[in-house]
Structures are given as structure tokens and as C-alpha cells.
N, C-alpha and C. Protein backbone atom coordinates (compact mmCIF):
# COMPACT_ATOMS: atom_id res chain seq x y z
N MET A 1 80.10 97.71 98.88
CA MET A 1 80.96 98.33 97.87
C MET A 1 81.31 97.31 96.76
N LYS A 2 81.66 96.09 97.15
CA LYS A 2 82.07 95.10 96.16
C LYS A 2 80.95 94.82 95.17
N HIS A 3 79.70 94.71 95.67
CA HIS A 3 78.59 94.42 94.78
C HIS A 3 78.40 95.57 93.79
N LYS A 4 78.54 96.81 94.28
CA LYS A 4 78.41 97.96 93.38
C LYS A 4 79.49 97.93 92.31
N LEU A 5 80.71 97.58 92.70
CA LEU A 5 81.81 97.51 91.73
C LEU A 5 81.53 96.44 90.69
N LEU A 6 81.02 95.29 91.11
CA LEU A 6 80.72 94.22 90.16
C LEU A 6 79.64 94.68 89.19
N ILE A 7 78.58 95.33 89.73
CA ILE A 7 77.49 95.80 88.88
C ILE A 7 78.01 96.80 87.86
N LEU A 8 78.99 97.62 88.26
CA LEU A 8 79.53 98.62 87.34
C LEU A 8 80.49 97.99 86.33
N THR A 9 81.25 97.00 86.75
CA THR A 9 82.28 96.45 85.86
C THR A 9 81.70 95.49 84.82
N ILE A 10 80.62 94.79 85.16
CA ILE A 10 80.07 93.81 84.22
C ILE A 10 79.65 94.46 82.90
N PRO A 11 78.86 95.54 82.89
CA PRO A 11 78.50 96.15 81.60
C PRO A 11 79.71 96.68 80.84
N VAL A 12 80.69 97.21 81.56
CA VAL A 12 81.91 97.70 80.90
C VAL A 12 82.61 96.55 80.19
N LEU A 13 82.70 95.39 80.87
CA LEU A 13 83.35 94.23 80.25
C LEU A 13 82.57 93.77 79.03
N LEU A 14 81.24 93.80 79.12
CA LEU A 14 80.42 93.39 77.98
C LEU A 14 80.63 94.34 76.82
N ILE A 15 80.70 95.64 77.11
CA ILE A 15 80.88 96.63 76.05
C ILE A 15 82.25 96.46 75.39
N THR A 16 83.27 96.21 76.19
CA THR A 16 84.62 96.08 75.64
C THR A 16 84.81 94.72 74.96
N GLY A 17 83.87 93.81 75.14
CA GLY A 17 83.92 92.53 74.43
C GLY A 17 84.85 91.52 75.08
N VAL A 18 84.98 91.60 76.39
CA VAL A 18 85.81 90.60 77.09
C VAL A 18 85.09 89.25 77.05
N ASP A 19 85.87 88.20 76.89
CA ASP A 19 85.29 86.85 76.81
C ASP A 19 84.52 86.53 78.09
N LEU A 20 83.32 85.96 77.94
CA LEU A 20 82.49 85.64 79.10
C LEU A 20 83.17 84.61 79.99
N LYS A 21 83.89 83.68 79.40
CA LYS A 21 84.56 82.66 80.20
C LYS A 21 85.58 83.30 81.14
N MET A 22 86.34 84.27 80.61
CA MET A 22 87.33 84.95 81.44
C MET A 22 86.63 85.69 82.58
N MET A 23 85.48 86.32 82.27
CA MET A 23 84.74 87.06 83.28
C MET A 23 84.27 86.12 84.39
N ILE A 24 83.71 84.98 83.99
CA ILE A 24 83.21 84.01 84.99
C ILE A 24 84.37 83.50 85.84
N GLN A 25 85.52 83.22 85.19
CA GLN A 25 86.67 82.74 85.94
C GLN A 25 87.13 83.78 86.96
N SER A 26 87.16 85.05 86.53
CA SER A 26 87.60 86.10 87.46
C SER A 26 86.62 86.23 88.62
N LEU A 27 85.31 86.11 88.33
CA LEU A 27 84.32 86.20 89.40
C LEU A 27 84.50 85.04 90.38
N LEU A 28 84.75 83.84 89.85
CA LEU A 28 84.97 82.69 90.72
C LEU A 28 86.22 82.89 91.58
N ILE A 29 87.26 83.45 90.97
CA ILE A 29 88.49 83.71 91.73
C ILE A 29 88.20 84.71 92.84
N ILE A 30 87.41 85.75 92.53
CA ILE A 30 87.08 86.76 93.54
C ILE A 30 86.32 86.09 94.69
N GLN A 31 85.36 85.21 94.34
CA GLN A 31 84.59 84.52 95.38
C GLN A 31 85.51 83.65 96.24
N ASN A 32 86.43 82.93 95.59
CA ASN A 32 87.35 82.08 96.35
C ASN A 32 88.22 82.91 97.28
N VAL A 33 88.70 84.05 96.78
CA VAL A 33 89.56 84.90 97.60
C VAL A 33 88.78 85.45 98.78
N SER A 34 87.53 85.89 98.54
CA SER A 34 86.74 86.47 99.63
C SER A 34 86.44 85.41 100.68
N SER A 35 86.09 84.19 100.24
CA SER A 35 85.81 83.12 101.21
C SER A 35 87.08 82.77 101.98
N TYR A 36 88.22 82.79 101.29
CA TYR A 36 89.50 82.52 101.96
C TYR A 36 89.80 83.58 103.00
N ASN A 37 89.53 84.86 102.65
CA ASN A 37 89.74 85.95 103.61
C ASN A 37 88.84 85.77 104.82
N ILE A 38 87.59 85.36 104.58
CA ILE A 38 86.66 85.16 105.70
C ILE A 38 87.21 84.06 106.61
N ARG A 39 87.75 83.00 106.02
CA ARG A 39 88.28 81.90 106.84
C ARG A 39 89.46 82.38 107.68
N THR A 40 90.33 83.21 107.09
CA THR A 40 91.48 83.69 107.84
C THR A 40 91.02 84.61 108.97
N TYR A 41 89.98 85.41 108.70
CA TYR A 41 89.46 86.28 109.76
C TYR A 41 88.91 85.43 110.91
N VAL A 42 88.22 84.34 110.56
CA VAL A 42 87.66 83.47 111.60
C VAL A 42 88.80 82.87 112.43
N LEU A 43 89.88 82.46 111.75
CA LEU A 43 91.01 81.88 112.47
C LEU A 43 91.65 82.92 113.39
N LEU A 44 91.73 84.17 112.93
CA LEU A 44 92.32 85.21 113.76
C LEU A 44 91.39 85.52 114.93
């Protein structure tokens, strides 16, 4: 589901003219959050 959402949101962001740097930062934040969630699941 997450990959589908990313594929759908990227063209929308490009069309709306969102800064690429902001997009990359948000993607990195999403990756950090997901890896953090995986770590917490492993600890649980």
C-alpha cells in the first residue's frame, strides 16, 4: 500500500510544483520512521 501511495503522490507533488528538496526530505523522514517502527516491532 505504501509504495502505491508514493507512486500516486509523487506526480501530484510534481504537478502542484512542490520543491523537490522538500519531497526528498519527506521521503527520507518516511524511511526513517518506517525503519524505526521495524526496530520497535523487533524489540517487542
